Amino acid sequence: MLSAMGFTERQARGALAATGGAVERAADWLFSRTDDLESAVAAALGEGGGGGGGGGAAAAEDDGPGEYDLVGFISHMGSNTSCGHYVCHLKKDGRWVLHNDRKVAVSEAPPLELGYIYCFRRRDA
């Protein structure tokens, strides 16, 4: 099953070792470690981190503060989720714009508290 998801046999063995053989947990384990999967697999398999890298954990990179600006969100128009439809609010040139099917208009008071999905853009450091 794990190889059908695109993971190698070695990665699957490491995930299963780390989760006591539970396939569902192993899939979650793999997906939650994609940033440094090979190191996580090596640790799960009890392999030394040879190769002259000092054997310690990699030093964290400081790429500045994680500050984000809200640039859009999806909200629902209707009495309930079975009735009505979803619309998109995007911030363009400092103003909120409502995209409702073919109708696009400036939104003077966007319902920020009613969003279902929010989209953010990271500020440049």
Foldseek 3Di string as FASTA:
>chain_A
DVVVVVDDPLLLVLLCLVVVNDNVSSNVVQVVPVVPSVVSSCVSVVHQPDDPPVSDDDDDDDQDDFDKDWFKFKAFDDPDPVDGGIWMWGQDPNFIWIGDPPDIDTDPDDPVVGGPDIDIDTDHD
